[in-house]
Amino acid sequence: MKVLALDYGSARTGVAVSDPTGTVARPLGLVEYVDEPDGFKRLLDVIRVEQPEEIVVGLPLTLKGTHGDQADATTRFVESLRDVLEIPVETYDERFTSVLADGDDARAAAHLLSTYLEWRSARR
């Protein structure tokens, strides 16, 4: 199952995609200003081109595992995706992905996706 991952940010959103088997993740790039109509349209164009069967969005919980302002903004973004897409849009804890990717949004999305794919595989 092909999965697309998003490391959401109002200024820049990192995008990564898996191979068709849902095993290997690779950074795809970034989309700027997805909270604005043009940016959201550009993101939807990327999703249409990639044709994933599922989307996972990193949820930036606090170190204590609670929701802060950024997690609330991400939740609103996820809801806007769910309103227009017919594929599942899930969230996944991304507390440490941006740090591990050294600030590169697309690499952060790829790390998030790799972690998510491993977690999903272990659940089966």
C-alpha atoms as a PDB file:
ATOM      1  CA  MET A   1       0.000   0.000   0.000  1.00  0.00           C
ATOM      2  CA  LYS A   2       1.465   3.329  -1.087  1.00  0.00           C
ATOM      3  CA  VAL A   3       1.506   5.906   1.725  1.00  0.00           C
ATOM      4  CA  LEU A   4       2.214   9.637   1.519  1.00  0.00           C
ATOM      5  CA  ALA A   5       3.491  11.442   4.627  1.00  0.00           C
ATOM      6  CA  LEU A   6       3.219  15.116   5.485  1.00  0.00           C
ATOM      7  CA  ASP A   7       5.316  17.019   7.985  1.00  0.00           C
ATOM      8  CA  TYR A   8       2.847  19.904   8.309  1.00  0.00           C
ATOM      9  CA  GLY A   9       3.875  23.500   8.796  1.00  0.00           C
ATOM     10  CA  SER A  10       1.927  26.608   7.839  1.00  0.00           C
ATOM     11  CA  ALA A  11       4.961  27.998   5.949  1.00  0.00           C
ATOM     12  CA  ARG A  12       6.439  24.714   4.658  1.00  0.00           C
ATOM     13  CA  THR A  13       5.050  21.201   4.602  1.00  0.00           C
ATOM     14  CA  GLY A  14       7.467  18.356   3.940  1.00  0.00           C
ATOM     15  CA  VAL A  15       6.245  15.538   1.724  1.00  0.00           C
ATOM     16  CA  ALA A  16       7.490  11.959   1.505  1.00  0.00           C
ATOM     17  CA  VAL A  17       6.117   8.911  -0.239  1.00  0.00           C
ATOM     18  CA  SER A  18       6.545   5.182   0.080  1.00  0.00           C
ATOM     19  CA  ASP A  19       7.073   2.681  -2.670  1.00  0.00           C
ATOM     20  CA  PRO A  20       3.914   0.855  -3.860  1.00  0.00           C
ATOM     21  CA  THR A  21       4.449  -1.923  -1.301  1.00  0.00           C
ATOM     22  CA  GLY A  22       4.558   0.525   1.617  1.00  0.00           C
ATOM     23  CA  THR A  23       8.029  -0.609   2.620  1.00  0.00           C
ATOM     24  CA  VAL A  24      10.535   2.111   1.700  1.00  0.00           C
ATOM     25  CA  ALA A  25      10.104   5.853   2.275  1.00  0.00           C
ATOM     26  CA  ARG A  26      11.747   8.629   0.291  1.00  0.00           C
ATOM     27  CA  PRO A  27      11.596  12.409   0.590  1.00  0.00           C
ATOM     28  CA  LEU A  28       9.578  14.008  -2.188  1.00  0.00           C
ATOM     29  CA  GLY A  29       9.895  17.732  -1.509  1.00  0.00           C
ATOM     30  CA  LEU A  30       7.947  20.482   0.148  1.00  0.00           C
ATOM     31  CA  VAL A  31       4.848  22.545  -0.449  1.00  0.00           C
ATOM     32  CA  GLU A  32       4.724  26.097   0.840  1.00  0.00           C
ATOM     33  CA  TYR A  33       1.784  27.789   2.571  1.00  0.00           C
ATOM     34  CA  VAL A  34      -0.684  24.884   2.575  1.00  0.00           C
ATOM     35  CA  ASP A  35      -3.017  26.914   4.802  1.00  0.00           C
ATOM     36  CA  GLU A  36      -3.621  29.303   1.904  1.00  0.00           C
ATOM     37  CA  PRO A  37      -5.825  28.325  -1.071  1.00  0.00           C
ATOM     38  CA  ASP A  38      -2.983  28.206  -3.638  1.00  0.00           C
ATOM     39  CA  GLY A  39      -0.726  26.178  -1.356  1.00  0.00           C
ATOM     40  CA  PHE A  40      -3.526  23.762  -0.470  1.00  0.00           C
ATOM     41  CA  LYS A  41      -4.247  23.295  -4.195  1.00  0.00           C
ATOM     42  CA  ARG A  42      -0.553  22.590  -4.872  1.00  0.00           C
ATOM     43  CA  LEU A  43      -0.602  19.969  -2.121  1.00  0.00           C
ATOM     44  CA  LEU A  44      -3.737  18.347  -3.548  1.00  0.00           C
ATOM     45  CA  ASP A  45      -2.006  18.273  -6.959  1.00  0.00           C
ATOM     46  CA  VAL A  46       0.940  16.387  -5.420  1.00  0.00           C
ATOM     47  CA  ILE A  47      -1.465  13.930  -3.798  1.00  0.00           C
ATOM     48  CA  ARG A  48      -3.284  13.379  -7.101  1.00  0.00           C
ATOM     49  CA  VAL A  49      -0.012  12.745  -8.959  1.00  0.00           C
ATOM     50  CA  GLU A  50       1.309  10.318  -6.320  1.00  0.00           C
ATOM     51  CA  GLN A  51      -2.026   8.485  -5.873  1.00  0.00           C
ATOM     52  CA  PRO A  52      -1.399   7.188  -2.355  1.00  0.00           C
ATOM     53  CA  GLU A  53      -3.823   4.804  -0.711  1.00  0.00           C
ATOM     54  CA  GLU A  54      -3.298   6.490   2.660  1.00  0.00           C
ATOM     55  CA  ILE A  55      -1.894   9.749   4.019  1.00  0.00           C
ATOM     56  CA  VAL A  56      -0.170  10.097   7.369  1.00  0.00           C
ATOM     57  CA  VAL A  57       0.385  13.511   8.937  1.00  0.00           C
ATOM     58  CA  GLY A  58       2.886  14.012  11.727  1.00  0.00           C
ATOM     59  CA  LEU A  59       1.209  15.127  14.943  1.00  0.00           C
ATOM     60  CA  PRO A  60       3.619  17.253  17.025  1.00  0.00           C
ATOM     61  CA  LEU A  61       2.674  16.335  20.555  1.00  0.00           C
ATOM     62  CA  THR A  62       4.474  17.931  23.482  1.00  0.00           C
ATOM     63  CA  LEU A  63       7.209  15.966  25.231  1.00  0.00           C
ATOM     64  CA  LYS A  64       4.555  14.917  27.752  1.00  0.00           C
ATOM     65  CA  GLY A  65       2.386  13.565  24.917  1.00  0.00           C
ATOM     66  CA  THR A  66      -0.248  16.288  25.094  1.00  0.00           C
ATOM     67  CA  HIS A  67      -1.651  18.653  22.468  1.00  0.00           C
ATOM     68  CA  GLY A  68      -0.195  22.143  22.191  1.00  0.00           C
ATOM     69  CA  ASP A  69      -0.924  24.943  19.739  1.00  0.00           C
ATOM     70  CA  GLN A  70       0.956  23.276  16.860  1.00  0.00           C
ATOM     71  CA  ALA A  71      -0.847  19.956  17.378  1.00  0.00           C
ATOM     72  CA  ASP A  72      -4.175  21.802  17.358  1.00  0.00           C
ATOM     73  CA  ALA A  73      -3.238  23.546  14.079  1.00  0.00           C
ATOM     74  CA  THR A  74      -2.185  20.192  12.625  1.00  0.00           C
ATOM     75  CA  THR A  75      -5.493  18.637  13.654  1.00  0.00           C
ATOM     76  CA  ARG A  76      -7.373  21.421  11.824  1.00  0.00           C
ATOM     77  CA  PHE A  77      -5.199  20.819   8.754  1.00  0.00           C
ATOM     78  CA  VAL A  78      -5.922  17.072   8.892  1.00  0.00           C
ATOM     79  CA  GLU A  79      -9.655  17.798   9.041  1.00  0.00           C
ATOM     80  CA  SER A  80      -9.381  20.024   5.949  1.00  0.00           C
ATOM     81  CA  LEU A  81      -7.704  17.139   4.095  1.00  0.00           C
ATOM     82  CA  ARG A  82     -10.331  14.661   5.249  1.00  0.00           C
ATOM     83  CA  ASP A  83     -13.044  17.018   3.979  1.00  0.00           C
ATOM     84  CA  VAL A  84     -11.758  16.854   0.381  1.00  0.00           C
ATOM     85  CA  LEU A  85     -10.072  13.446   0.063  1.00  0.00           C
ATOM     86  CA  GLU A  86     -11.619  10.018  -0.209  1.00  0.00           C
ATOM     87  CA  ILE A  87      -8.603   8.160   1.174  1.00  0.00           C
ATOM     88  CA  PRO A  88      -7.758   7.714   4.858  1.00  0.00           C
ATOM     89  CA  VAL A  89      -5.822  10.559   6.497  1.00  0.00           C
ATOM     90  CA  GLU A  90      -4.190   9.454   9.744  1.00  0.00           C
ATOM     91  CA  THR A  91      -1.988  11.183  12.299  1.00  0.00           C
ATOM     92  CA  TYR A  92       1.175   9.795  13.843  1.00  0.00           C
ATOM     93  CA  ASP A  93       3.312  11.099  16.713  1.00  0.00           C
ATOM     94  CA  GLU A  94       6.212  13.067  15.200  1.00  0.00           C
ATOM     95  CA  ARG A  95       7.814  14.549  18.289  1.00  0.00           C
ATOM     96  CA  PHE A  96      11.385  13.822  17.251  1.00  0.00           C
ATOM     97  CA  THR A  97      11.335  13.605  13.441  1.00  0.00           C
ATOM     98  CA  SER A  98      12.261  17.232  12.698  1.00  0.00           C
ATOM     99  CA  VAL A  99      15.196  17.093  15.106  1.00  0.00           C
ATOM    100  CA  LEU A 100      16.478  13.853  13.567  1.00  0.00           C
ATOM    101  CA  ALA A 101      16.135  15.290  10.053  1.00  0.00           C
ATOM    102  CA  ASP A 102      18.157  18.380  10.991  1.00  0.00           C
ATOM    103  CA  GLY A 103      15.397  20.785   9.987  1.00  0.00           C
ATOM    104  CA  ASP A 104      14.889  19.436   6.435  1.00  0.00           C
ATOM    105  CA  ASP A 105      11.093  19.200   6.048  1.00  0.00           C
ATOM    106  CA  ALA A 106      11.096  16.541   3.316  1.00  0.00           C
ATOM    107  CA  ARG A 107      13.598  14.389   5.244  1.00  0.00           C
ATOM    108  CA  ALA A 108      11.488  14.838   8.378  1.00  0.00           C
ATOM    109  CA  ALA A 109       8.464  13.590   6.427  1.00  0.00           C
ATOM    110  CA  ALA A 110      10.502  10.610   5.157  1.00  0.00           C
ATOM    111  CA  HIS A 111      11.647   9.776   8.692  1.00  0.00           C
ATOM    112  CA  LEU A 112       8.057  10.066   9.920  1.00  0.00           C
ATOM    113  CA  LEU A 113       6.927   7.778   7.115  1.00  0.00           C
ATOM    114  CA  SER A 114       9.650   5.198   7.783  1.00  0.00           C
ATOM    115  CA  THR A 115       8.719   5.099  11.454  1.00  0.00           C
ATOM    116  CA  TYR A 116       5.016   4.846  10.627  1.00  0.00           C
ATOM    117  CA  LEU A 117       5.584   2.028   8.115  1.00  0.00           C
ATOM    118  CA  GLU A 118       7.639   0.079  10.673  1.00  0.00           C
ATOM    119  CA  TRP A 119       4.964   0.605  13.330  1.00  0.00           C
ATOM    120  CA  ARG A 120       2.185  -0.459  10.952  1.00  0.00           C
ATOM    121  CA  SER A 121       4.133  -3.545   9.856  1.00  0.00           C
ATOM    122  CA  ALA A 122       4.704  -4.583  13.490  1.00  0.00           C
ATOM    123  CA  ARG A 123       0.968  -4.330  14.218  1.00  0.00           C
ATOM    124  CA  ARG A 124       0.133  -6.973  11.597  1.00  0.00           C
END
